[in-house]
Amino acid sequence: MKRDTRKRRRNRFASWSVTVLVLGFSAGTAGAQTGQYYEQTYMRASHNWAFRAAYPGVDRLFNAFDYGHSKLYETLWRSPNAPGSVLDDREFTFITTRLLVNPPAVALDESAIGPEWAKLAPEALEMFEWAHMLHRQIYDVLADERIKPADKDAKVAELMRYYRSRPALAFSALPKSMELMEGQPYSLAFRKRFPKYNGLIWSYHWLQMTLYDALLAGATPAEKKANVAAVTARFWEMLRGGQGALPEMMPMSPAIAPAFSGRFTGAAIIFDNLHSMHDVVSDILANPVVPREKKRQAILAAAAKYRDSTSNLTSIDEWRSMANEMGVQHMGGLPPLPQSR
């Protein structure tokens, strides 16, 4: 098993190296040496995999989430004129009635699910994967009962330093203006063409953020398990309720995960920027206003802006205010937490 895993990673790295050489990095400020984009694993720590051990069912859902994003990008790149039924009916049904019901036990290789997407913008794919890794490691810190509550802030700060050690991949920890996501010529295209699948992606983001508040609100392992079970059940209610039950606005951390956003503000901003860029890539691929031969350039230009901490910014107060003004009820609602401190 270990040999197969190593072989798969070597093959993926070899494929990635060829991709980089063929494509080149031609997008202005996004251009960089190929060495900045190599794969890197978790920071070595005693808390690694603590969330998986305590909440294996939810951890497996994250593996299925990776499929949803990659399948979306692959579909739009391979079939730019795909009808709404491809994602909103066929893929939505497969994901919600089969994949998420029996999610994979191991993390999926996104470049295998979306090989053409991976070759189009491997830099963006690595940015997504690096931020998803931060997601998982923070879950580990909050789930590890061996770490005293007062020590968790320092552990998360250590993870943040590790994440920022790769500036070619790290999202800014300062909030970006909504114009970057919704005020571009290509903006809003994906949600208009595929509203149901768009809601599915937003439900993923809702669960990913509300889990933090579920873990923070519990004072004991039993209370944390009750909270995690409650938010997971609410996630399933969204999926079973159809499009009308799914988030109709992108979930923003200050609204749906207020405790986490207040305590770990930089991490919450990174995740909002991550989720915003997911939408941007979907819009670029879905909107014919961006010619096919310019889509890679547009994606890399957007990625550079989301890494940059000097442009397209809004204040933290405005970020919080905007999240509240948009209405948490439109984002999936507050997490139902039966056990709270």
Foldseek 3Di string as FASTA:
>chain_A
DVVVVVVVLVVVQVVLVVLCVVPAADQVVLHDDPVLQHDDADDDDPLPCLLCVLPVLVVLLVLLLLLLLLLLLLCLLVPLPDALCVCQPPVLCCSLVPCSVPGDSDHDDSCVSRVVSCSLAVLQVSLLVLLVNLLNVLSSLLNDPVADPVCSLVVNVVSVVVSVVRLSRAFFLFAFACCLAAVDPLHPLLCVRHVQSVLVNLLVLLLSQLLVLLSVFAPDSVLSVVLNVQQVVLSSVQSVVGSVQGAPDRQQNCFAPVVCCVSVVSSSRRSVLSSSLSNVLSSLSNGPVQPSVCSSNSSSVSSSVRSDPPPRGDHPVVSNVVNVVVPQVNSNHYRDRPGGD
